[in-house]
Structures are given as structure tokens and as C-alpha cells.
Amino acid sequence: MSKKPGEFTTPDLYFAAYLQTAGVEMKRTDRESGRVHFVFDATIANIDELKTAWFNNTGKVAAQPYAHNVKSLKSVVHMT
């Protein structure tokens, strides 16, 4: 799988849901060897700042939209 300029890719469903909830647009999903990779538009948000906040437990997103995004992405992962 090749990464295109201006894109950020992650296989982490929960981090992907966090990015969505933080307002980062998901462009598509890619599947490779049975694994789903979530591809985001890195030109509209500072992904590095969001990633740092995620791993430092300082990221703030609303709980209800986050839960909705987790459920939505799980349905994408389990599609055949």
C-alpha cells in the first residue's frame, strides 16, 4: 500500500474514530492482507498534534460522537 502526499493512514480503529471526532476527514479505507487501514486527509488538520494528544491522554473529543464513530468504523472493518 502506497501512501499519497497529504494523507495519513492508520490501522488503529480507535485512533481513527478519535481523528474523525476531532474533525479530520476520512478519505477512504484500504484493505491489505485482511487488515483495514483508515486513510485521512492530513492537509486539513495537524495530525502530529492530534497524535501527541492521543498518546499523552490529553486529547479532548465529545464522548457520544466518539462512540458513534467507533461503532461506524467497526461496521466498516467487518464488511466483507
Protein backbone atom coordinates (compact mmCIF):
# COMPACT_ATOMS: atom_id res chain seq x y z
CA MET A 1 0.00 0.00 0.00
CA SER A 2 1.46 3.32 -1.02
CA LYS A 3 0.93 6.47 0.98
CA LYS A 4 -0.01 9.52 -1.04
CA PRO A 5 1.11 13.05 -0.14
CA GLY A 6 -1.34 14.78 2.18
CA GLU A 7 -2.66 11.52 3.60
CA PHE A 8 -2.33 9.89 6.99
CA THR A 9 -3.02 6.17 7.35
CA THR A 10 -3.67 4.15 10.49
CA PRO A 11 -4.89 0.60 11.14
CA ASP A 12 -5.98 1.62 14.67
CA LEU A 13 -9.78 1.75 14.74
CA TYR A 14 -9.97 3.71 17.99
CA PHE A 15 -7.42 6.31 16.88
CA ALA A 16 -9.29 6.59 13.56
CA ALA A 17 -12.53 7.24 15.46
CA TYR A 18 -10.72 9.89 17.52
CA LEU A 19 -9.47 11.60 14.35
CA GLN A 20 -12.97 11.56 12.86
CA THR A 21 -14.45 13.01 16.03
CA ALA A 22 -11.75 15.70 16.05
CA GLY A 23 -12.92 16.74 12.58
CA VAL A 24 -10.35 15.09 10.32
CA GLU A 25 -11.95 13.89 7.09
CA MET A 26 -11.59 10.19 6.34
CA LYS A 27 -10.96 9.83 2.62
CA ARG A 28 -11.28 6.07 2.29
CA THR A 29 -10.31 2.71 3.69
CA ASP A 30 -7.75 0.39 2.16
CA ARG A 31 -7.59 -3.34 2.77
CA GLU A 32 -4.32 -5.20 2.76
CA SER A 33 -3.85 -8.81 3.81
CA GLY A 34 -7.25 -8.78 5.51
CA ARG A 35 -6.42 -5.69 7.54
CA VAL A 36 -8.26 -2.38 7.18
CA HIS A 37 -6.29 0.87 7.04
CA PHE A 38 -8.15 4.14 7.57
CA VAL A 39 -6.90 6.95 5.31
CA PHE A 40 -7.35 10.57 6.39
CA ASP A 41 -6.85 13.95 4.75
CA ALA A 42 -3.76 15.27 6.53
CA THR A 43 -3.94 18.65 4.81
CA ILE A 44 -6.85 19.95 6.89
CA ALA A 45 -5.59 19.13 10.40
CA ASN A 46 -2.36 18.86 12.34
CA ILE A 47 -2.21 15.08 12.65
CA ASP A 48 1.02 15.23 14.69
CA GLU A 49 -0.65 17.40 17.34
CA LEU A 50 -3.67 15.11 17.46
CA LYS A 51 -1.44 12.03 17.69
CA THR A 52 0.55 13.56 20.55
CA ALA A 53 -2.66 14.43 22.39
CA TRP A 54 -3.98 10.88 21.84
CA PHE A 55 -0.87 9.19 23.22
CA ASN A 56 -0.49 11.67 26.10
CA ASN A 57 -4.13 11.23 27.11
CA THR A 58 -4.75 14.95 26.67
CA GLY A 59 -6.95 14.75 23.56
CA LYS A 60 -10.47 16.03 24.07
CA VAL A 61 -13.42 14.90 21.97
CA ALA A 62 -17.09 14.52 22.79
CA ALA A 63 -17.94 11.06 24.11
CA GLN A 64 -21.17 10.44 22.21
CA PRO A 65 -19.83 11.26 18.73
CA TYR A 66 -16.68 9.25 19.53
CA ALA A 67 -18.76 6.20 20.47
CA HIS A 68 -20.82 6.61 17.30
CA ASN A 69 -17.66 6.78 15.17
CA VAL A 70 -16.23 3.65 16.84
CA LYS A 71 -19.42 1.74 16.02
CA SER A 72 -19.46 3.07 12.47
CA LEU A 73 -15.84 2.12 11.81
CA LYS A 74 -16.35 -1.33 13.32
CA SER A 75 -19.08 -1.93 10.75
CA VAL A 76 -16.61 -0.93 8.02
CA VAL A 77 -14.00 -3.35 9.36
CA HIS A 78 -16.45 -6.25 9.49
CA MET A 79 -17.84 -5.74 5.97
CA THR A 80 -16.89 -8.49 3.60
